[in-house]
Protein backbone atom coordinates (compact mmCIF):
# COMPACT_ATOMS: atom_id res chain seq x y z
CA MET A 1 -27.94 -14.21 9.51
CA SER A 2 -28.37 -14.53 5.49
CA GLU A 3 -26.70 -17.98 4.44
CA ASP A 4 -23.68 -15.76 2.60
CA ASN A 5 -22.80 -14.46 6.36
CA LYS A 6 -22.85 -18.62 7.63
CA GLU A 7 -20.75 -19.78 4.87
CA ILE A 8 -18.33 -17.03 5.59
CA ALA A 9 -18.43 -17.10 9.42
CA GLN A 10 -18.00 -21.60 8.80
CA ARG A 11 -14.84 -20.33 6.21
CA ARG A 12 -13.23 -18.56 8.81
CA GLN A 13 -13.73 -20.81 11.06
CA GLU A 14 -12.03 -23.47 9.27
CA ALA A 15 -9.29 -21.37 8.94
CA VAL A 16 -8.11 -20.06 12.22
CA ALA A 17 -8.63 -23.61 13.33
CA GLY A 18 -5.90 -24.71 10.82
CA ILE A 19 -3.45 -22.40 12.28
CA ARG A 20 -0.25 -23.54 13.49
CA TRP A 21 0.44 -21.98 16.54
CA ASN A 22 3.91 -21.73 17.83
CA GLU A 23 5.57 -23.28 21.11
CA ALA A 24 3.91 -20.42 22.64
CA GLY A 25 0.61 -19.98 21.10
CA LEU A 26 1.47 -17.56 19.00
CA LEU A 27 2.11 -16.29 15.37
CA PRO A 28 3.80 -14.19 13.42
CA ALA A 29 2.44 -10.50 11.45
CA VAL A 30 3.21 -9.57 8.86
CA ILE A 31 1.41 -6.16 8.17
CA GLN A 32 0.78 -4.85 4.52
CA ASP A 33 -0.64 -1.33 3.48
CA ALA A 34 -2.88 -2.56 1.32
CA ARG A 35 -3.02 0.25 -0.61
CA THR A 36 1.00 0.42 -1.59
CA LEU A 37 1.83 -2.74 -0.91
CA GLU A 38 5.00 -1.17 1.64
CA VAL A 39 5.44 -4.05 4.71
CA LEU A 40 4.37 -1.01 7.62
CA MET A 41 5.12 -3.25 10.41
CA PHE A 42 5.79 -6.93 12.56
CA ALA A 43 4.30 -8.79 15.56
CA TYR A 44 3.38 -11.40 17.01
CA MET A 45 -1.05 -12.44 17.68
CA ASN A 46 -2.73 -15.11 19.35
CA PRO A 47 -5.74 -16.88 19.21
CA GLU A 48 -7.11 -14.24 21.13
CA SER A 49 -5.67 -10.98 19.59
CA LEU A 50 -6.91 -12.77 16.24
CA GLU A 51 -10.16 -13.18 17.17
CA ARG A 52 -10.23 -10.03 18.07
CA SER A 53 -9.09 -8.30 14.77
CA LEU A 54 -11.52 -10.59 12.92
CA ALA A 55 -14.28 -9.12 14.97
CA SER A 56 -13.50 -5.33 15.52
CA GLY A 57 -11.78 -4.65 11.69
CA GLN A 58 -8.63 -3.72 13.33
CA THR A 59 -5.17 -5.43 13.95
CA TRP A 60 -4.97 -6.38 17.68
CA PHE A 61 -1.74 -7.90 18.90
CA TRP A 62 -0.12 -9.59 21.81
CA SER A 63 2.82 -7.29 23.43
CA ARG A 64 6.10 -10.46 24.44
CA SER A 65 7.52 -8.09 25.81
CA ARG A 66 4.55 -7.12 28.32
CA GLY A 67 2.41 -10.54 28.12
CA GLU A 68 -0.74 -8.24 27.16
CA LEU A 69 -3.39 -8.24 24.07
CA TRP A 70 -2.61 -5.03 22.51
CA HIS A 71 -4.54 -2.59 19.66
CA LYS A 72 -2.67 -0.65 17.33
CA GLY A 73 -3.54 3.35 17.43
CA GLY A 74 -5.29 2.28 20.92
CA THR A 75 -3.57 5.04 22.11
CA SER A 76 -2.17 6.89 19.97
CA GLY A 77 -5.11 7.21 16.90
CA ASN A 78 -2.71 5.42 14.56
CA THR A 79 -5.08 1.93 13.88
CA GLN A 80 -5.08 -0.04 11.51
CA ALA A 81 -8.77 -1.08 9.57
CA ILE A 82 -8.29 -4.99 7.72
CA THR A 83 -8.98 -5.10 4.45
CA SER A 84 -8.09 -9.00 4.15
CA ILE A 85 -6.07 -12.13 5.86
CA HIS A 86 -3.94 -14.76 4.31
CA TYR A 87 -2.30 -17.14 6.21
CA ASP A 88 1.24 -18.97 4.51
CA CYS A 89 1.39 -22.48 3.10
CA ASP A 90 2.28 -23.81 6.34
CA SER A 91 -0.62 -22.35 8.11
CA ASP A 92 1.76 -20.66 10.85
CA THR A 93 2.30 -16.89 9.36
CA LEU A 94 -0.43 -14.53 8.99
CA LEU A 95 -0.15 -11.72 5.66
CA VAL A 96 -2.37 -8.67 7.21
CA LYS A 97 -3.47 -5.66 4.76
CA VAL A 98 -5.01 -2.39 5.97
CA VAL A 99 -5.54 0.83 5.20
CA PRO A 100 -3.35 2.80 7.91
CA GLU A 101 -4.28 5.72 10.07
CA GLY A 102 -1.39 7.43 10.42
CA PRO A 103 2.46 5.80 10.87
CA ALA A 104 2.90 2.64 11.35
CA CYS A 105 5.72 2.97 13.91
CA HIS A 106 6.85 4.45 17.00
CA THR A 107 8.90 6.82 15.44
CA GLY A 108 6.43 8.88 13.39
CA GLU A 109 7.85 7.03 10.22
CA ASN A 110 5.14 5.24 7.73
CA SER A 111 7.40 1.25 8.64
CA CYS A 112 8.67 -0.33 11.00
CA PHE A 113 11.28 -0.49 7.74
CA TYR A 114 11.93 2.49 7.20
CA ARG A 115 16.42 1.55 7.64
CA GLU A 116 18.08 0.23 5.23
CA ILE A 117 21.46 -1.61 5.01
CA PRO A 118 23.24 -0.56 1.37
CA LEU A 119 23.24 -3.41 -1.19
CA ASP A 120 25.73 -3.27 -4.66
CA ALA A 121 23.56 -5.05 -7.10
CA PRO A 122 25.08 -7.71 -8.30
CA ALA A 123 25.53 -6.43 -12.49
CA ALA A 124 24.10 -10.32 -13.14
CA VAL A 125 20.81 -9.29 -11.71
CA THR A 126 20.45 -6.08 -13.50
CA GLU A 127 21.40 -6.94 -16.90
CA ALA A 128 19.27 -10.15 -16.77
CA SER A 129 15.75 -8.20 -15.26
CA GLY A 130 17.02 -5.67 -18.82
CA VAL A 131 15.92 -2.98 -15.69
CA ASP A 132 17.82 -0.04 -14.18
CA THR A 133 16.31 -0.97 -10.18
CA GLY A 134 16.22 2.06 -9.26
CA ARG A 135 15.22 4.29 -12.39
CA PHE A 136 11.96 4.13 -11.68
CA ALA A 137 11.85 4.05 -7.56
CA VAL A 138 10.73 8.20 -7.70
CA LEU A 139 7.74 6.30 -8.67
CA GLY A 140 6.34 4.24 -6.31
CA GLU A 141 8.02 6.90 -3.12
CA LEU A 142 5.29 9.12 -4.68
CA GLU A 143 2.52 7.05 -4.81
CA ARG A 144 3.44 5.57 -1.64
CA VAL A 145 3.62 10.32 -0.57
CA ILE A 146 -0.11 9.71 -2.14
CA ALA A 147 -1.64 7.58 0.12
CA GLU A 148 -0.52 9.02 2.80
CA ARG A 149 -1.70 11.77 2.19
CA GLU A 150 -5.51 10.87 1.71
CA VAL A 151 -5.33 9.61 4.82
CA ASN A 152 -3.91 12.07 7.24
CA ARG A 153 -4.80 14.53 5.11
CA PRO A 154 -2.23 17.23 6.30
CA GLU A 155 -3.69 20.48 6.42
CA GLY A 156 -2.05 23.57 4.05
CA ALA A 157 -0.95 20.22 1.72
CA TYR A 158 -1.71 20.54 -1.86
CA THR A 159 -2.78 16.93 -2.68
CA THR A 160 -5.09 17.15 0.48
CA TYR A 161 -6.68 19.98 -1.70
CA LEU A 162 -7.17 17.85 -4.40
CA PHE A 163 -8.97 14.43 -2.22
CA ASP A 164 -10.81 17.65 -0.23
CA LYS A 165 -12.97 19.09 -3.78
CA GLY A 166 -13.14 15.49 -5.57
CA VAL A 167 -12.55 13.22 -8.44
CA ASP A 168 -13.45 16.52 -10.36
CA LYS A 169 -11.42 18.72 -10.01
CA ILE A 170 -8.74 15.84 -9.55
CA LEU A 171 -10.02 14.97 -13.56
CA LYS A 172 -10.07 19.14 -14.79
CA LYS A 173 -6.41 19.00 -12.88
CA VAL A 174 -5.40 16.10 -15.10
CA GLY A 175 -6.72 17.82 -18.48
CA GLU A 176 -5.26 21.36 -17.28
CA GLU A 177 -2.04 19.57 -17.72
CA ALA A 178 -2.64 17.10 -20.20
CA SER A 179 -3.25 20.53 -22.45
CA GLU A 180 0.25 22.66 -21.17
CA THR A 181 1.70 19.31 -21.87
CA ILE A 182 0.17 19.62 -25.82
CA ILE A 183 0.99 23.06 -25.50
CA ALA A 184 4.68 23.02 -23.97
CA ALA A 185 5.82 20.22 -27.28
CA LYS A 186 4.57 22.26 -30.13
CA ASN A 187 6.67 24.89 -28.54
CA LYS A 188 9.55 22.53 -29.00
CA ASP A 189 10.17 23.70 -25.05
CA ASN A 190 11.73 20.99 -23.62
CA ALA A 191 12.53 22.89 -20.05
CA GLU A 192 8.75 23.65 -20.13
CA LEU A 193 8.17 20.26 -21.31
CA ARG A 194 9.89 18.32 -18.29
CA LEU A 195 7.52 19.87 -15.89
CA GLU A 196 4.65 19.92 -17.31
CA VAL A 197 4.52 16.31 -17.80
CA SER A 198 6.04 16.02 -13.95
CA ASP A 199 2.99 17.75 -13.45
CA LEU A 200 0.39 15.51 -15.22
CA ILE A 201 1.96 12.57 -13.28
CA TYR A 202 2.04 14.08 -9.80
CA HIS A 203 -1.75 14.29 -11.41
CA LEU A 204 -2.56 11.08 -12.84
CA LEU A 205 -0.63 9.29 -9.62
CA VAL A 206 -3.52 11.50 -7.40
CA LEU A 207 -6.31 10.21 -9.94
CA LEU A 208 -5.51 6.61 -9.49
CA GLN A 209 -5.53 7.10 -5.76
CA GLU A 210 -8.43 8.31 -6.03
CA ARG A 211 -10.01 5.85 -8.03
CA LYS A 212 -7.71 2.95 -6.13
CA LEU A 213 -6.42 1.68 -8.99
CA PRO A 214 -2.59 0.57 -8.22
CA LEU A 215 0.36 1.91 -10.18
CA ASP A 216 1.27 -1.89 -10.05
CA GLU A 217 -2.13 -2.72 -12.33
CA ILE A 218 -0.83 -0.12 -14.69
CA LEU A 219 2.47 -1.67 -15.32
CA ASP A 220 1.30 -4.63 -15.59
CA GLU A 221 -1.19 -3.63 -18.41
CA LEU A 222 1.63 -2.34 -20.50
CA SER A 223 3.90 -4.84 -19.89
CA ALA A 224 1.26 -6.90 -21.47
CA ARG A 225 1.07 -5.37 -24.29
CA HIS A 226 4.57 -5.70 -24.54
CA GLU A 227 4.55 -9.52 -24.39
CA ARG A 228 1.40 -9.96 -27.06
CA PRO A 229 3.28 -10.82 -30.56
CA ARG A 230 3.21 -8.02 -32.97
CA ARG A 231 0.98 -7.46 -35.93
CA ASP A 232 3.64 -5.49 -37.74
């Protein structure tokens, strides 16, 4: 074992030793998509399931109802490849980021948290943020669907075709849509411009997914530019 691997193994052992298991010897684990940051599911781990997760690189849990270990996707094939595991300030909850192979929920939904309790958004919150909280929700949903398409590659889907062809094809489409956007704008045809800009944004999101660059980082960059002192 190399010195680097020895150091990693020691740090891992120290981290696991500091975990505070509950009275039943369990630890809550929140499972999150590493690419889209969508919360996929909630489950419990015990020391053995955590050890198996660390050893295999895939999620293992403890079923309280069945009283046994279970490997996520062991039967369905919808496994979860672990990219990172964090524990909170109290050392009693895990945040496990994964790349899912298929839906997380047994219902076939991408996330177990697919049902929503409608809320009346307080006007003060919207005004304080200066943002319409639902205005750009479609971009987040589109990013999530594109990420899901990359993993599952459903047959016949255009997004599957793009990922199968690779980055050169994606870049070619981005260039084509950018050119068509310019033409529509020059023609002063807003109906056509709306369609072309929509196509361009979609292909840009596919490109970002191919490069594993989250849309949030683009928004952060735009926000940082907006906050910089103006020179004019």
